[in-house]
């Protein structure tokens, strides 16, 4: 199954959610895909430990995302302005611009691998989507046309959210799991489950 999954990632541009219980070979498959792909890829994860284990960097480091909550709108709703806890597309671009090196990495990217995706909140994935669309100049294409390989087990760690953030984000998301990301819902994805 791992060989078929790796072949699927390498031969298509479809987004893929790869899941399986502990010990089913998710990390092995990640390494196999990265070692055997012709695609230019970057590996990221929600936490430093997860990033180290996967051979990548944190999501916030790669995309220069501020800590806090991303509202998937051009401008914040009036009641959220001035709180300092929420970012919109405008403030993300204006206050947290990517440097030239990071922009070039994202322009050259074919495949973004996100490990331990069960911890990734939908709003953070939408912030990544926004960054990719802007940097790659493809505003109408989810993730700027970059393929996603999302790896994780939904029965492990869930995304962390404060009650106040959840109350605000429920306007846009049914839940804060990554698969509720507006960009991912627009794009769709294949689901592959490893069983051994």
Protein backbone atom coordinates (compact mmCIF):
# COMPACT_ATOMS: atom_id res chain seq x y z
CA UNK A 1 0.00 0.00 0.00
CA UNK A 2 2.84 2.40 0.81
CA UNK A 3 4.32 1.97 -2.67
CA UNK A 4 0.93 2.67 -4.28
CA UNK A 5 0.44 5.76 -2.12
CA UNK A 6 3.91 7.08 -2.98
CA UNK A 7 3.25 6.44 -6.67
CA UNK A 8 -0.07 8.29 -6.47
CA UNK A 9 1.56 11.36 -4.90
CA UNK A 10 4.32 11.35 -7.51
CA UNK A 11 2.08 10.82 -10.53
CA UNK A 12 -0.75 13.27 -9.74
CA UNK A 13 -1.19 16.80 -8.48
CA UNK A 14 -4.07 15.87 -6.17
CA UNK A 15 -3.94 16.75 -2.51
CA UNK A 16 -3.64 13.64 -0.36
CA UNK A 17 -4.54 12.97 3.27
CA UNK A 18 -2.56 9.94 4.39
CA UNK A 19 -3.63 8.41 7.67
CA UNK A 20 -3.19 5.26 9.69
CA UNK A 21 -2.73 4.12 13.24
CA UNK A 22 0.65 4.22 14.98
CA UNK A 23 3.07 1.76 13.40
CA UNK A 24 1.39 1.58 9.98
CA UNK A 25 4.25 3.29 8.15
CA UNK A 26 3.23 6.94 7.79
CA UNK A 27 6.72 8.22 8.59
CA UNK A 28 8.30 5.58 6.36
CA UNK A 29 6.04 6.66 3.52
CA UNK A 30 6.89 10.32 4.11
CA UNK A 31 10.58 9.51 3.77
CA UNK A 32 9.96 7.31 0.72
CA UNK A 33 7.99 10.04 -1.07
CA UNK A 34 10.55 12.74 -0.30
CA UNK A 35 13.53 10.56 -1.28
CA UNK A 36 11.93 9.29 -4.48
CA UNK A 37 10.06 12.26 -5.86
CA UNK A 38 10.97 14.45 -8.79
CA UNK A 39 8.91 17.20 -7.18
CA UNK A 40 10.49 20.04 -5.24
CA UNK A 41 9.15 19.66 -1.72
CA UNK A 42 9.22 21.18 1.74
CA UNK A 43 8.30 19.33 4.93
CA UNK A 44 6.55 21.20 7.75
CA UNK A 45 4.77 20.29 10.97
CA UNK A 46 2.78 22.15 13.63
CA UNK A 47 5.38 21.75 16.41
CA UNK A 48 9.15 21.80 16.66
CA UNK A 49 9.43 18.17 17.80
CA UNK A 50 7.14 16.95 15.01
CA UNK A 51 9.13 19.00 12.49
CA UNK A 52 12.44 17.54 13.70
CA UNK A 53 11.07 13.99 13.55
CA UNK A 54 9.88 14.56 9.98
CA UNK A 55 13.08 16.27 8.84
CA UNK A 56 11.40 19.63 8.30
CA UNK A 57 10.63 22.95 9.96
CA UNK A 58 7.63 24.35 11.79
CA UNK A 59 4.72 25.74 9.83
CA UNK A 60 5.02 29.10 11.56
CA UNK A 61 8.71 29.34 10.68
CA UNK A 62 8.33 28.37 7.01
CA UNK A 63 5.40 30.70 6.37
CA UNK A 64 6.28 33.42 8.91
CA UNK A 65 2.86 33.13 10.48
CA UNK A 66 2.16 35.06 13.66
CA UNK A 67 0.84 33.13 16.64
CA UNK A 68 -2.83 33.80 17.07
CA UNK A 69 -5.96 33.34 15.04
CA UNK A 70 -6.33 33.82 11.29
CA UNK A 71 -9.69 35.07 10.06
CA UNK A 72 -10.17 34.05 6.40
CA UNK A 73 -11.31 37.49 5.26
CA UNK A 74 -9.59 40.42 3.57
CA UNK A 75 -10.42 42.59 6.59
CA UNK A 76 -11.41 41.71 10.14
CA UNK A 77 -15.03 42.17 11.17
CA UNK A 78 -15.37 45.48 13.04
CA UNK A 79 -15.76 43.90 16.48
CA UNK A 80 -12.37 42.14 16.16
CA UNK A 81 -10.35 45.17 15.05
CA UNK A 82 -7.94 46.39 17.69
CA UNK A 83 -8.00 43.24 19.82
CA UNK A 84 -4.51 42.24 18.66
CA UNK A 85 -5.42 38.56 18.76
CA UNK A 86 -6.72 38.13 15.24
CA UNK A 87 -5.11 38.45 11.81
CA UNK A 88 -6.80 38.84 8.44
CA UNK A 89 -5.32 38.62 4.95
CA UNK A 90 -4.44 42.31 4.95
CA UNK A 91 -2.62 42.28 8.29
CA UNK A 92 -0.90 38.98 7.49
CA UNK A 93 0.55 40.44 4.29
CA UNK A 94 1.29 43.89 5.70
CA UNK A 95 2.68 43.14 9.14
CA UNK A 96 4.28 39.76 8.50
CA UNK A 97 5.79 39.86 4.99
CA UNK A 98 7.87 36.96 3.72
CA UNK A 99 11.52 37.63 2.96
CA UNK A 100 12.92 37.04 -0.53
CA UNK A 101 14.36 33.61 0.31
CA UNK A 102 11.07 32.26 1.68
CA UNK A 103 9.14 33.72 -1.26
CA UNK A 104 11.46 31.98 -3.73
CA UNK A 105 11.17 28.65 -1.90
CA UNK A 106 7.37 28.88 -2.14
CA UNK A 107 7.47 29.91 -5.81
CA UNK A 108 9.63 26.89 -6.65
CA UNK A 109 7.58 24.44 -4.60
CA UNK A 110 5.69 21.51 -6.14
CA UNK A 111 4.78 19.51 -3.02
CA UNK A 112 4.14 20.67 0.55
CA UNK A 113 4.28 17.83 3.08
CA UNK A 114 2.54 18.54 6.39
CA UNK A 115 3.22 15.93 9.06
CA UNK A 116 1.15 15.49 12.25
CA UNK A 117 -1.69 17.28 10.48
CA UNK A 118 -4.21 16.28 13.18
CA UNK A 119 -2.78 19.15 15.28
CA UNK A 120 -3.18 21.70 12.47
CA UNK A 121 -6.09 24.11 12.81
CA UNK A 122 -8.23 24.97 9.80
CA UNK A 123 -7.49 28.69 10.14
CA UNK A 124 -3.73 28.06 10.04
CA UNK A 125 -4.12 25.94 6.90
CA UNK A 126 -6.12 28.80 5.37
CA UNK A 127 -3.30 31.21 6.27
CA UNK A 128 -0.92 28.87 4.40
CA UNK A 129 -3.37 28.79 1.48
CA UNK A 130 -3.45 32.59 1.39
CA UNK A 131 0.35 32.87 1.51
CA UNK A 132 0.74 30.38 -1.34
CA UNK A 133 -1.86 32.06 -3.56
CA UNK A 134 -0.27 35.50 -3.09
CA UNK A 135 3.38 34.47 -3.43
CA UNK A 136 2.74 32.29 -6.47
CA UNK A 137 0.47 34.87 -8.14
CA UNK A 138 -2.40 32.38 -8.46
CA UNK A 139 -5.17 33.93 -6.38
CA UNK A 140 -7.87 31.72 -7.87
CA UNK A 141 -6.10 28.39 -7.27
CA UNK A 142 -6.08 26.73 -3.84
CA UNK A 143 -2.61 26.70 -2.33
CA UNK A 144 -1.30 28.48 -5.42
CA UNK A 145 -1.29 25.18 -7.32
CA UNK A 146 1.05 23.40 -4.89
CA UNK A 147 0.15 19.80 -4.07
CA UNK A 148 -0.36 18.95 -0.39
CA UNK A 149 0.55 15.67 1.27
CA UNK A 150 -1.15 15.76 4.67
CA UNK A 151 0.00 13.03 7.05
CA UNK A 152 -1.45 12.19 10.44
CA UNK A 153 -3.80 10.24 12.64
CA UNK A 154 -7.03 11.99 13.62
CA UNK A 155 -7.19 9.82 16.75
CA UNK A 156 -4.01 11.39 18.09
CA UNK A 157 -3.60 15.02 19.17
CA UNK A 158 -6.40 17.39 18.09
CA UNK A 159 -5.90 21.06 17.24
CA UNK A 160 -5.67 23.37 20.25
CA UNK A 161 -8.05 26.31 20.44
CA UNK A 162 -9.18 28.67 23.19
CA UNK A 163 -12.90 29.11 23.78
CA UNK A 164 -12.75 32.76 22.68
CA UNK A 165 -11.06 31.81 19.40
CA UNK A 166 -13.51 28.98 18.80
CA UNK A 167 -16.48 31.31 19.24
CA UNK A 168 -15.09 33.66 16.59
CA UNK A 169 -13.95 30.96 14.14
CA UNK A 170 -17.28 29.13 14.18
CA UNK A 171 -18.49 31.80 11.75
CA UNK A 172 -16.27 30.23 9.06
CA UNK A 173 -15.59 26.66 10.20
CA UNK A 174 -17.76 23.73 11.31
CA UNK A 175 -14.81 22.48 13.36
CA UNK A 176 -11.19 23.54 13.60
CA UNK A 177 -9.74 20.31 12.20
CA UNK A 178 -7.57 20.88 9.13
CA UNK A 179 -10.10 19.26 6.77
CA UNK A 180 -12.51 22.16 7.41
CA UNK A 181 -10.05 24.63 5.85
CA UNK A 182 -11.85 26.68 3.21
CA UNK A 183 -8.95 26.21 0.78
CA UNK A 184 -8.86 22.44 1.24
CA UNK A 185 -12.63 22.16 0.93
CA UNK A 186 -12.42 24.13 -2.32
CA UNK A 187 -9.64 21.92 -3.68
CA UNK A 188 -10.73 18.49 -2.44
CA UNK A 189 -8.36 15.67 -1.58
CA UNK A 190 -7.81 11.94 -1.81
CA UNK A 191 -7.91 9.95 1.43
CA UNK A 192 -5.47 7.06 1.81
CA UNK A 193 -5.45 4.91 4.94
CA UNK A 194 -2.51 2.66 5.74
CA UNK A 195 -3.41 -0.47 7.65
CA UNK A 196 -0.05 -2.20 7.99
